[in-house]
Amino acid sequence: MEFSTIGCEDSLDEAKVRLESVDALIVWGSDSIIGVLTSIHMERGGNCGEVCELDILVDPSKDEIKTRMPIFVVTTDNDEPVSVNHGP
Protein backbone atom coordinates (compact mmCIF):
# COMPACT_ATOMS: atom_id res chain seq x y z
CA MET A 1 0.00 0.00 0.00
CA GLU A 2 1.18 3.51 -0.69
CA PHE A 3 1.29 5.55 2.50
CA SER A 4 2.24 8.79 4.15
CA THR A 5 2.35 9.85 7.79
CA ILE A 6 0.26 12.22 9.88
CA GLY A 7 0.22 13.35 13.51
CA CYS A 8 -2.42 12.15 15.95
CA GLU A 9 -3.55 15.72 16.66
CA ASP A 10 -3.98 16.59 12.97
CA SER A 11 -7.48 17.18 11.63
CA LEU A 12 -9.50 14.82 9.49
CA ASP A 13 -9.63 17.56 6.85
CA GLU A 14 -5.84 17.32 6.56
CA ALA A 15 -6.08 13.52 6.45
CA LYS A 16 -8.65 13.66 3.64
CA VAL A 17 -6.33 15.82 1.55
CA ARG A 18 -3.39 13.45 2.08
CA LEU A 19 -5.50 10.36 1.37
CA GLU A 20 -6.20 11.67 -2.12
CA SER A 21 -2.69 10.55 -3.14
CA VAL A 22 -2.07 7.49 -0.90
CA ASP A 23 -3.90 4.39 0.33
CA ALA A 24 -3.19 4.84 4.03
CA LEU A 25 -1.79 7.22 6.62
CA ILE A 26 0.40 5.99 9.44
CA VAL A 27 -0.57 7.96 12.55
CA TRP A 28 2.19 9.11 14.90
CA GLY A 29 1.71 9.80 18.59
CA SER A 30 4.30 11.84 20.48
CA ASP A 31 7.12 9.40 19.73
CA SER A 32 5.68 6.20 18.27
CA ILE A 33 3.27 4.88 15.67
CA ILE A 34 -0.20 4.51 17.18
CA GLY A 35 -2.46 3.59 14.27
CA VAL A 36 -3.40 3.61 10.60
CA LEU A 37 -6.00 5.73 8.80
CA THR A 38 -7.71 4.89 5.52
CA SER A 39 -10.65 6.42 3.70
CA ILE A 40 -13.09 4.22 5.66
CA HIS A 41 -12.18 6.07 8.85
CA MET A 42 -13.19 9.46 7.46
CA GLU A 43 -16.85 8.98 8.41
CA ARG A 44 -16.01 9.21 12.11
CA GLY A 45 -15.66 12.41 14.11
CA GLY A 46 -12.59 13.68 15.93
CA ASN A 47 -8.92 14.08 15.11
CA CYS A 48 -6.60 11.54 13.48
CA GLY A 49 -5.58 9.95 16.77
CA GLU A 50 -9.20 9.49 17.85
CA VAL A 51 -10.45 7.81 14.67
CA CYS A 52 -7.48 5.78 13.45
CA GLU A 53 -7.40 1.99 13.46
CA LEU A 54 -5.53 0.87 16.57
CA ASP A 55 -5.47 -2.85 15.74
CA ILE A 56 -1.96 -2.75 14.27
CA LEU A 57 1.40 -4.34 14.90
CA VAL A 58 4.72 -2.59 14.28
CA ASP A 59 7.65 -4.80 13.26
CA PRO A 60 6.05 -8.04 14.47
CA SER A 61 7.39 -11.56 14.09
CA LYS A 62 5.45 -14.01 11.91
CA ASP A 63 4.26 -15.74 15.07
CA GLU A 64 2.92 -12.46 16.50
CA ILE A 65 1.01 -11.83 13.27
CA LYS A 66 -0.55 -15.31 13.37
CA THR A 67 -1.45 -14.98 17.05
CA ARG A 68 -2.79 -11.41 17.07
CA MET A 69 -4.26 -11.25 13.53
CA PRO A 70 -3.95 -7.43 13.27
CA ILE A 71 -5.83 -5.39 10.72
CA PHE A 72 -2.58 -3.65 9.65
CA VAL A 73 1.11 -4.52 9.88
CA VAL A 74 3.65 -1.68 9.78
CA THR A 75 7.32 -2.35 9.02
CA THR A 76 9.99 0.16 9.99
CA ASP A 77 13.67 0.75 9.35
CA ASN A 78 15.51 2.81 11.98
CA ASP A 79 12.11 3.68 13.50
CA GLU A 80 10.84 5.14 10.21
CA PRO A 81 7.91 3.38 8.49
CA VAL A 82 8.81 1.70 5.20
CA SER A 83 5.63 -0.28 4.51
CA VAL A 84 2.09 -0.84 5.69
CA ASN A 85 0.05 -3.89 4.73
CA HIS A 86 -3.24 -5.50 5.61
CA GLY A 87 -2.90 -8.22 8.22
CA PRO A 88 -3.78 -11.84 7.46
PDB file of N, CA and C in Angstrom:
ATOM      1  N   MET A   1       0.842  -1.177   0.000  1.00  0.00           N
ATOM      2  CA  MET A   1       0.000   0.000   0.000  1.00  0.00           C
ATOM      3  C   MET A   1       0.888   1.240   0.000  1.00  0.00           C
ATOM      4  N   GLU A   2       0.481   2.230  -0.770  1.00  0.00           N
ATOM      5  CA  GLU A   2       1.184   3.510  -0.692  1.00  0.00           C
ATOM      6  C   GLU A   2       0.717   4.225   0.565  1.00  0.00           C
ATOM      7  N   PHE A   3       1.647   4.905   1.243  1.00  0.00           N
ATOM      8  CA  PHE A   3       1.289   5.545   2.502  1.00  0.00           C
ATOM      9  C   PHE A   3       2.059   6.838   2.698  1.00  0.00           C
ATOM     10  N   SER A   4       1.561   7.604   3.652  1.00  0.00           N
ATOM     11  CA  SER A   4       2.242   8.792   4.151  1.00  0.00           C
ATOM     12  C   SER A   4       2.051   8.766   5.663  1.00  0.00           C
ATOM     13  N   THR A   5       2.517   9.793   6.337  1.00  0.00           N
ATOM     14  CA  THR A   5       2.347   9.853   7.788  1.00  0.00           C
ATOM     15  C   THR A   5       1.585  11.112   8.170  1.00  0.00           C
ATOM     16  N   ILE A   6       1.012  11.079   9.361  1.00  0.00           N
ATOM     17  CA  ILE A   6       0.261  12.221   9.877  1.00  0.00           C
ATOM     18  C   ILE A   6       0.327  12.161  11.408  1.00  0.00           C
ATOM     19  N   GLY A   7       0.200  13.298  12.049  1.00  0.00           N
ATOM     20  CA  GLY A   7       0.217  13.348  13.509  1.00  0.00           C
ATOM     21  C   GLY A   7      -1.142  13.044  14.097  1.00  0.00           C
ATOM     22  N   CYS A   8      -1.164  12.529  15.316  1.00  0.00           N
ATOM     23  CA  CYS A   8      -2.424  12.150  15.953  1.00  0.00           C
ATOM     24  C   CYS A   8      -3.325  13.348  16.235  1.00  0.00           C
ATOM     25  N   GLU A   9      -2.757  14.529  16.389  1.00  0.00           N
ATOM     26  CA  GLU A   9      -3.552  15.724  16.664  1.00  0.00           C
ATOM     27  C   GLU A   9      -4.031  16.424  15.393  1.00  0.00           C
ATOM     28  N   ASP A  10      -3.577  15.960  14.223  1.00  0.00           N
ATOM     29  CA  ASP A  10      -3.983  16.591  12.965  1.00  0.00           C
ATOM     30  C   ASP A  10      -5.465  16.352  12.701  1.00  0.00           C
ATOM     31  N   SER A  11      -6.047  17.240  11.908  1.00  0.00           N
ATOM     32  CA  SER A  11      -7.482  17.183  11.625  1.00  0.00           C
ATOM     33  C   SER A  11      -7.802  16.146  10.552  1.00  0.00           C
ATOM     34  N   LEU A  12      -9.059  15.725  10.537  1.00  0.00           N
ATOM     35  CA  LEU A  12      -9.502  14.816   9.491  1.00  0.00           C
ATOM     36  C   LEU A  12      -9.526  15.509   8.141  1.00  0.00           C
ATOM     37  N   ASP A  13      -9.702  16.828   8.122  1.00  0.00           N
ATOM     38  CA  ASP A  13      -9.632  17.558   6.855  1.00  0.00           C
ATOM     39  C   ASP A  13      -8.248  17.408   6.236  1.00  0.00           C
ATOM     40  N   GLU A  14      -7.209  17.523   7.049  1.00  0.00           N
ATOM     41  CA  GLU A  14      -5.842  17.323   6.562  1.00  0.00           C
ATOM     42  C   GLU A  14      -5.653  15.882   6.096  1.00  0.00           C
ATOM     43  N   ALA A  15      -6.195  14.933   6.834  1.00  0.00           N
ATOM     44  CA  ALA A  15      -6.084  13.523   6.453  1.00  0.00           C
ATOM     45  C   ALA A  15      -6.764  13.261   5.114  1.00  0.00           C
ATOM     46  N   LYS A  16      -7.935  13.844   4.903  1.00  0.00           N
ATOM     47  CA  LYS A  16      -8.653  13.657   3.638  1.00  0.00           C
ATOM     48  C   LYS A  16      -7.822  14.138   2.465  1.00  0.00           C
ATOM     49  N   VAL A  17      -7.175  15.283   2.619  1.00  0.00           N
ATOM     50  CA  VAL A  17      -6.329  15.823   1.548  1.00  0.00           C
ATOM     51  C   VAL A  17      -5.185  14.856   1.249  1.00  0.00           C
ATOM     52  N   ARG A  18      -4.522  14.367   2.275  1.00  0.00           N
ATOM     53  CA  ARG A  18      -3.386  13.454   2.080  1.00  0.00           C
ATOM     54  C   ARG A  18      -3.819  12.114   1.502  1.00  0.00           C
ATOM     55  N   LEU A  19      -5.015  11.650   1.870  1.00  0.00           N
ATOM     56  CA  LEU A  19      -5.495  10.361   1.371  1.00  0.00           C
ATOM     57  C   LEU A  19      -5.896  10.402  -0.099  1.00  0.00           C
ATOM     58  N   GLU A  20      -5.929  11.585  -0.691  1.00  0.00           N
ATOM     59  CA  GLU A  20      -6.203  11.674  -2.124  1.00  0.00           C
ATOM     60  C   GLU A  20      -5.057  11.088  -2.942  1.00  0.00           C
ATOM     61  N   SER A  21      -3.853  11.029  -2.373  1.00  0.00           N
ATOM     62  CA  SER A  21      -2.694  10.553  -3.136  1.00  0.00           C
ATOM     63  C   SER A  21      -2.070   9.265  -2.590  1.00  0.00           C
ATOM     64  N   VAL A  22      -2.598   8.735  -1.484  1.00  0.00           N
ATOM     65  CA  VAL A  22      -2.066   7.492  -0.904  1.00  0.00           C
ATOM     66  C   VAL A  22      -3.214   6.603  -0.434  1.00  0.00           C
ATOM     67  N   ASP A  23      -2.889   5.347  -0.150  1.00  0.00           N
ATOM     68  CA  ASP A  23      -3.895   4.392   0.325  1.00  0.00           C
ATOM     69  C   ASP A  23      -4.139   4.478   1.824  1.00  0.00           C
ATOM     70  N   ALA A  24      -3.097   4.856   2.563  1.00  0.00           N
ATOM     71  CA  ALA A  24      -3.190   4.845   4.027  1.00  0.00           C
ATOM     72  C   ALA A  24      -2.278   5.901   4.628  1.00  0.00           C
ATOM     73  N   LEU A  25      -2.622   6.309   5.842  1.00  0.00           N
ATOM     74  CA  LEU A  25      -1.786   7.220   6.621  1.00  0.00           C
ATOM     75  C   LEU A  25      -1.380   6.517   7.906  1.00  0.00           C
ATOM     76  N   ILE A  26      -0.097   6.516   8.179  1.00  0.00           N
ATOM     77  CA  ILE A  26       0.399   5.993   9.444  1.00  0.00           C
ATOM     78  C   ILE A  26       0.335   7.136  10.446  1.00  0.00           C
ATOM     79  N   VAL A  27      -0.334   6.912  11.562  1.00  0.00           N
ATOM     80  CA  VAL A  27      -0.575   7.961  12.554  1.00  0.00           C
ATOM     81  C   VAL A  27       0.472   7.874  13.659  1.00  0.00           C
ATOM     82  N   TRP A  28       1.164   9.004  13.863  1.00  0.00           N
ATOM     83  CA  TRP A  28       2.192   9.106  14.899  1.00  0.00           C
ATOM     84  C   TRP A  28       1.622   9.741  16.150  1.00  0.00           C
ATOM     85  N   GLY A  29       1.947   9.167  17.306  1.00  0.00           N
ATOM     86  CA  GLY A  29       1.710   9.799  18.592  1.00  0.00           C
ATOM     87  C   GLY A  29       2.907  10.686  18.884  1.00  0.00           C
ATOM     88  N   SER A  30       3.186  10.954  20.139  1.00  0.00           N
ATOM     89  CA  SER A  30       4.299  11.842  20.483  1.00  0.00           C
ATOM     90  C   SER A  30       5.647  11.283  20.060  1.00  0.00           C
ATOM     91  N   ASP A  31       5.823   9.963  20.132  1.00  0.00           N
ATOM     92  CA  ASP A  31       7.116   9.398  19.730  1.00  0.00           C
ATOM     93  C   ASP A  31       7.024   7.994  19.144  1.00  0.00           C
ATOM     94  N   SER A  32       5.821   7.536  18.850  1.00  0.00           N
ATOM     95  CA  SER A  32       5.680   6.200  18.270  1.00  0.00           C
ATOM     96  C   SER A  32       4.442   6.133  17.379  1.00  0.00           C
ATOM     97  N   ILE A  33       4.408   5.115  16.552  1.00  0.00           N
ATOM     98  CA  ILE A  33       3.267   4.879  15.668  1.00  0.00           C
ATOM     99  C   ILE A  33       2.121   4.337  16.517  1.00  0.00           C
ATOM    100  N   ILE A  34       0.941   4.961  16.373  1.00  0.00           N
ATOM    101  CA  ILE A  34      -0.201   4.510  17.185  1.00  0.00           C
ATOM    102  C   ILE A  34      -1.317   3.879  16.364  1.00  0.00           C
ATOM    103  N   GLY A  35      -1.368   4.134  15.050  1.00  0.00           N
ATOM    104  CA  GLY A  35      -2.465   3.594  14.266  1.00  0.00           C
ATOM    105  C   GLY A  35      -2.313   3.848  12.789  1.00  0.00           C
ATOM    106  N   VAL A  36      -3.352   3.446  12.054  1.00  0.00           N
ATOM    107  CA  VAL A  36      -3.399   3.612  10.604  1.00  0.00           C
ATOM    108  C   VAL A  36      -4.766   4.176  10.241  1.00  0.00           C
ATOM    109  N   LEU A  37      -4.767   5.125   9.316  1.00  0.00           N
ATOM    110  CA  LEU A  37      -6.001   5.729   8.803  1.00  0.00           C
ATOM    111  C   LEU A  37      -6.160   5.392   7.329  1.00  0.00           C
ATOM    112  N   THR A  38      -7.370   5.040   6.932  1.00  0.00           N
ATOM    113  CA  THR A  38      -7.707   4.887   5.519  1.00  0.00           C
ATOM    114  C   THR A  38      -8.996   5.664   5.267  1.00  0.00           C
ATOM    115  N   SER A  39      -9.445   5.657   4.036  1.00  0.00           N
ATOM    116  CA  SER A  39     -10.648   6.419   3.699  1.00  0.00           C
ATOM    117  C   SER A  39     -11.875   5.948   4.477  1.00  0.00           C
ATOM    118  N   ILE A  40     -11.910   4.700   4.918  1.00  0.00           N
ATOM    119  CA  ILE A  40     -13.089   4.220   5.657  1.00  0.00           C
ATOM    120  C   ILE A  40     -13.218   4.871   7.029  1.00  0.00           C
ATOM    121  N   HIS A  41     -12.141   5.421   7.543  1.00  0.00           N
ATOM    122  CA  HIS A  41     -12.178   6.071   8.854  1.00  0.00           C
ATOM    123  C   HIS A  41     -12.680   7.513   8.788  1.00  0.00           C
ATOM    124  N   MET A  42     -12.842   8.055   7.614  1.00  0.00           N
ATOM    125  CA  MET A  42     -13.192   9.465   7.462  1.00  0.00           C
ATOM    126  C   MET A  42     -14.629   9.777   7.842  1.00  0.00           C
ATOM    127  N   GLU A  43     -15.453   8.767   8.022  1.00  0.00           N
ATOM    128  CA  GLU A  43     -16.850   8.982   8.412  1.00  0.00           C
ATOM    129  C   GLU A  43     -16.991   9.289   9.898  1.00  0.00           C
ATOM    130  N   ARG A  44     -15.972   8.992  10.665  1.00  0.00           N
ATOM    131  CA  ARG A  44     -16.011   9.205  12.113  1.00  0.00           C
ATOM    132  C   ARG A  44     -15.717  10.661  12.446  1.00  0.00           C
ATOM    133  N   GLY A  45     -15.942  11.048  13.675  1.00  0.00           N
ATOM    134  CA  GLY A  45     -15.655  12.407  14.111  1.00  0.00           C
ATOM    135  C   GLY A  45     -14.497  12.444  15.083  1.00  0.00           C
ATOM    136  N   GLY A  46     -13.724  13.517  15.023  1.00  0.00           N
ATOM    137  CA  GLY A  46     -12.595  13.680  15.929  1.00  0.00           C
ATOM    138  C   GLY A  46     -11.335  14.040  15.169  1.00  0.00           C
ATOM    139  N   ASN A  47     -10.185  13.834  15.801  1.00  0.00           N
ATOM    140  CA  ASN A  47      -8.920  14.080  15.106  1.00  0.00           C
ATOM    141  C   ASN A  47      -8.336  12.732  14.670  1.00  0.00           C
ATOM    142  N   CYS A  48      -7.193  12.763  14.032  1.00  0.00           N
ATOM    143  CA  CYS A  48      -6.603  11.536  13.480  1.00  0.00           C
ATOM    144  C   CYS A  48      -6.337  10.480  14.547  1.00  0.00           C
ATOM    145  N   GLY A  49      -5.864  10.896  15.698  1.00  0.00           N
ATOM    146  CA  GLY A  49      -5.584   9.947  16.768  1.00  0.00           C
ATOM    147  C   GLY A  49      -6.830   9.306  17.346  1.00  0.00           C
ATOM    148  N   GLU A  50      -7.947  10.017  17.289  1.00  0.00           N
ATOM    149  CA  GLU A  50      -9.197   9.495  17.851  1.00  0.00           C
ATOM    150  C   GLU A  50      -9.896   8.518  16.920  1.00  0.00           C
ATOM    151  N   VAL A  51      -9.699   8.638  15.616  1.00  0.00           N
ATOM    152  CA  VAL A  51     -10.453   7.814  14.672  1.00  0.00           C
ATOM    153  C   VAL A  51      -9.621   6.742  13.979  1.00  0.00           C
ATOM    154  N   CYS A  52      -8.320   6.740  14.168  1.00  0.00           N
ATOM    155  CA  CYS A  52      -7.480   5.779  13.451  1.00  0.00           C
ATOM    156  C   CYS A  52      -7.698   4.356  13.950  1.00  0.00           C
ATOM    157  N   GLU A  53      -7.348   3.406  13.106  1.00  0.00           N
ATOM    158  CA  GLU A  53      -7.404   1.990  13.462  1.00  0.00           C
ATOM    159  C   GLU A  53      -6.242   1.675  14.394  1.00  0.00           C
ATOM    160  N   LEU A  54      -6.552   1.169  15.573  1.00  0.00           N
ATOM    161  CA  LEU A  54      -5.526   0.869  16.573  1.00  0.00           C
ATOM    162  C   LEU A  54      -5.081  -0.593  16.548  1.00  0.00           C
ATOM    163  N   ASP A  55      -5.799  -1.425  15.805  1.00  0.00           N
ATOM    164  CA  ASP A  55      -5.467  -2.849  15.736  1.00  0.00           C
ATOM    165  C   ASP A  55      -4.348  -3.051  14.718  1.00  0.00           C
ATOM    166  N   ILE A  56      -3.137  -2.660  15.138  1.00  0.00           N
ATOM    167  CA  ILE A  56      -1.961  -2.750  14.272  1.00  0.00           C
ATOM    168  C   ILE A  56      -0.816  -3.397  15.050  1.00  0.00           C
ATOM    169  N   LEU A  57       0.144  -3.903  14.309  1.00  0.00           N
ATOM    170  CA  LEU A  57       1.403  -4.344  14.900  1.00  0.00           C
ATOM    171  C   LEU A  57       2.532  -3.659  14.148  1.00  0.00           C
ATOM    172  N   VAL A  58       3.547  -3.223  14.879  1.00  0.00           N
ATOM    173  CA  VAL A  58       4.718  -2.588  14.282  1.00  0.00           C
ATOM    174  C   VAL A  58       5.896  -3.543  14.432  1.00  0.00           C
ATOM    175  N   ASP A  59       6.502  -3.891  13.305  1.00  0.00           N
ATOM    176  CA  ASP A  59       7.654  -4.804  13.257  1.00  0.00           C
ATOM    177  C   ASP A  59       7.425  -6.116  14.014  1.00  0.00           C
ATOM    178  N   PRO A  60       6.309  -6.791  13.750  1.00  0.00           N
ATOM    179  CA  PRO A  60       6.046  -8.039  14.475  1.00  0.00           C
ATOM    180  C   PRO A  60       6.782  -9.228  13.851  1.00  0.00           C
ATOM    181  N   SER A  61       6.899 -10.288  14.630  1.00  0.00           N
ATOM    182  CA  SER A  61       7.388 -11.560  14.089  1.00  0.00           C
ATOM    183  C   SER A  61       6.215 -12.244  13.380  1.00  0.00           C
ATOM    184  N   LYS A  62       6.519 -13.263  12.586  1.00  0.00           N
ATOM    185  CA  LYS A  62       5.451 -14.007  11.908  1.00  0.00           C
ATOM    186  C   LYS A  62       4.521 -14.667  12.923  1.00  0.00           C
ATOM    187  N   ASP A  63       5.089 -15.131  14.028  1.00  0.00           N
ATOM    188  CA  ASP A  63       4.261 -15.745  15.074  1.00  0.00           C
ATOM    189  C   ASP A  63       3.310 -14.733  15.704  1.00  0.00           C
ATOM    190  N   GLU A  64       3.785 -13.511  15.935  1.00  0.00           N
ATOM    191  CA  GLU A  64       2.918 -12.464  16.498  1.00  0.00           C
ATOM    192  C   GLU A  64       1.769 -12.151  15.552  1.00  0.00           C
ATOM    193  N   ILE A  65       2.064 -12.112  14.255  1.00  0.00           N
ATOM    194  CA  ILE A  65       1.014 -11.833  13.268  1.00  0.00           C
ATOM    195  C   ILE A  65      -0.042 -12.930  13.309  1.00  0.00           C
ATOM    196  N   LYS A  66       0.394 -14.185  13.337  1.00  0.00           N
ATOM    197  CA  LYS A  66      -0.550 -15.310  13.370  1.00  0.00           C
ATOM    198  C   LYS A  66      -1.379 -15.318  14.651  1.00  0.00           C
ATOM    199  N   THR A  67      -0.761 -14.965  15.764  1.00  0.00           N
ATOM    200  CA  THR A  67      -1.450 -14.977  17.053  1.00  0.00           C
ATOM    201  C   THR A  67      -2.422 -13.816  17.192  1.00  0.00           C
ATOM    202  N   ARG A  68      -1.984 -12.620  16.850  1.00  0.00           N
ATOM    203  CA  ARG A  68      -2.787 -11.413  17.074  1.00  0.00           C
ATOM    204  C   ARG A  68      -3.757 -11.110  15.937  1.00  0.00           C
ATOM    205  N   MET A  69      -3.414 -11.505  14.697  1.00  0.00           N
ATOM    206  CA  MET A  69      -4.263 -11.249  13.525  1.00  0.00           C
ATOM    207  C   MET A  69      -4.642  -9.767  13.409  1.00  0.00           C
ATOM    208  N   PRO A  70      -3.656  -8.864  13.326  1.00  0.00           N
ATOM    209  CA  PRO A  70      -3.952  -7.431  13.273  1.00  0.00           C
ATOM    210  C   PRO A  70      -4.590  -7.032  11.947  1.00  0.00           C
ATOM    211  N   ILE A  71      -5.256  -5.905  11.952  1.00  0.00           N
ATOM    212  CA  ILE A  71      -5.831  -5.385  10.717  1.00  0.00           C
ATOM    213  C   ILE A  71      -4.730  -4.832   9.821  1.00  0.00           C
ATOM    214  N   PHE A  72      -3.711  -4.183  10.414  1.00  0.00           N
ATOM    215  CA  PHE A  72      -2.582  -3.651   9.652  1.00  0.00           C
ATOM    216  C   PHE A  72      -1.266  -4.055  10.293  1.00  0.00           C
ATOM    217  N   VAL A  73      -0.253  -4.239   9.440  1.00  0.00           N
ATOM    218  CA  VAL A  73       1.112  -4.516   9.881  1.00  0.00           C
ATOM    219  C   VAL A  73       2.004  -3.424   9.307  1.00  0.00           C
ATOM    220  N   VAL A  74       2.736  -2.745  10.185  1.00  0.00           N
ATOM    221  CA  VAL A  74       3.652  -1.678   9.776  1.00  0.00           C
ATOM    222  C   VAL A  74       5.080  -2.176   9.972  1.00  0.00           C
ATOM    223  N   THR A  75       5.901  -1.992   8.942  1.00  0.00           N
ATOM    224  CA  THR A  75       7.315  -2.355   9.018  1.00  0.00           C
ATOM    225  C   THR A  75       8.135  -1.076   9.026  1.00  0.00           C
ATOM    226  N   THR A  76       9.148  -1.030   9.895  1.00  0.00           N
ATOM    227  CA  THR A  76       9.988   0.163   9.991  1.00  0.00           C
ATOM    228  C   THR A  76      11.449  -0.187   9.737  1.00  0.00           C
ATOM    229  N   ASP A  77      12.222   0.849   9.457  1.00  0.00           N
ATOM    230  CA  ASP A  77      13.674   0.749   9.347  1.00  0.00           C
ATOM    231  C   ASP A  77      14.236   1.952  10.086  1.00  0.00           C
ATOM    232  N   ASN A  78      15.007   1.717  11.124  1.00  0.00           N
ATOM    233  CA  ASN A  78      15.513   2.806  11.976  1.00  0.00           C
ATOM    234  C   ASN A  78      14.376   3.674  12.503  1.00  0.00           C
ATOM    235  N   ASP A  79      13.298   3.024  12.927  1.00  0.00           N
ATOM    236  CA  ASP A  79      12.111   3.676  13.502  1.00  0.00           C
ATOM    237  C   ASP A  79      11.301   4.507  12.514  1.00  0.00           C
ATOM    238  N   GLU A  80      11.618   4.442  11.232  1.00  0.00           N
ATOM    239  CA  GLU A  80      10.840   5.140  10.208  1.00  0.00           C
ATOM    240  C   GLU A  80      10.024   4.110   9.432  1.00  0.00           C
ATOM    241  N   PRO A  81       8.725   4.359   9.213  1.00  0.00           N
ATOM    242  CA  PRO A  81       7.909   3.382   8.485  1.00  0.00           C
ATOM    243  C   PRO A  81       8.369   3.232   7.034  1.00  0.00           C
ATOM    244  N   VAL A  82       8.442   1.978   6.586  1.00  0.00           N
ATOM    245  CA  VAL A  82       8.810   1.702   5.197  1.00  0.00           C
ATOM    246  C   VAL A  82       7.702   0.969   4.450  1.00  0.00           C
ATOM    247  N   SER A  83       6.761   0.351   5.178  1.00  0.00           N
ATOM    248  CA  SER A  83       5.626  -0.284   4.512  1.00  0.00           C
ATOM    249  C   SER A  83       4.476  -0.455   5.493  1.00  0.00           C
ATOM    250  N   VAL A  84       3.288  -0.516   4.919  1.00  0.00           N
ATOM    251  CA  VAL A  84       2.088  -0.844   5.685  1.00  0.00           C
ATOM    252  C   VAL A  84       1.272  -1.798   4.827  1.00  0.00           C
ATOM    253  N   ASN A  85       0.808  -2.871   5.441  1.00  0.00           N
ATOM    254  CA  ASN A  85       0.048  -3.893   4.725  1.00  0.00           C
ATOM    255  C   ASN A  85      -1.129  -4.337   5.576  1.00  0.00           C
ATOM    256  N   HIS A  86      -2.131  -4.897   4.885  1.00  0.00           N
ATOM    257  CA  HIS A  86      -3.242  -5.504   5.611  1.00  0.00           C
ATOM    258  C   HIS A  86      -2.730  -6.743   6.318  1.00  0.00           C
ATOM    259  N   GLY A  87      -3.246  -7.002   7.497  1.00  0.00           N
ATOM    260  CA  GLY A  87      -2.898  -8.220   8.220  1.00  0.00           C
ATOM    261  C   GLY A  87      -3.493  -9.428   7.520  1.00  0.00           C
ATOM    262  N   PRO A  88      -3.308 -10.602   8.104  1.00  0.00           N
ATOM    263  CA  PRO A  88      -3.779 -11.844   7.459  1.00  0.00           C
ATOM    264  C   PRO A  88      -5.292 -11.900   7.313  1.00  0.00           C
TER     265      PRO A  88
END
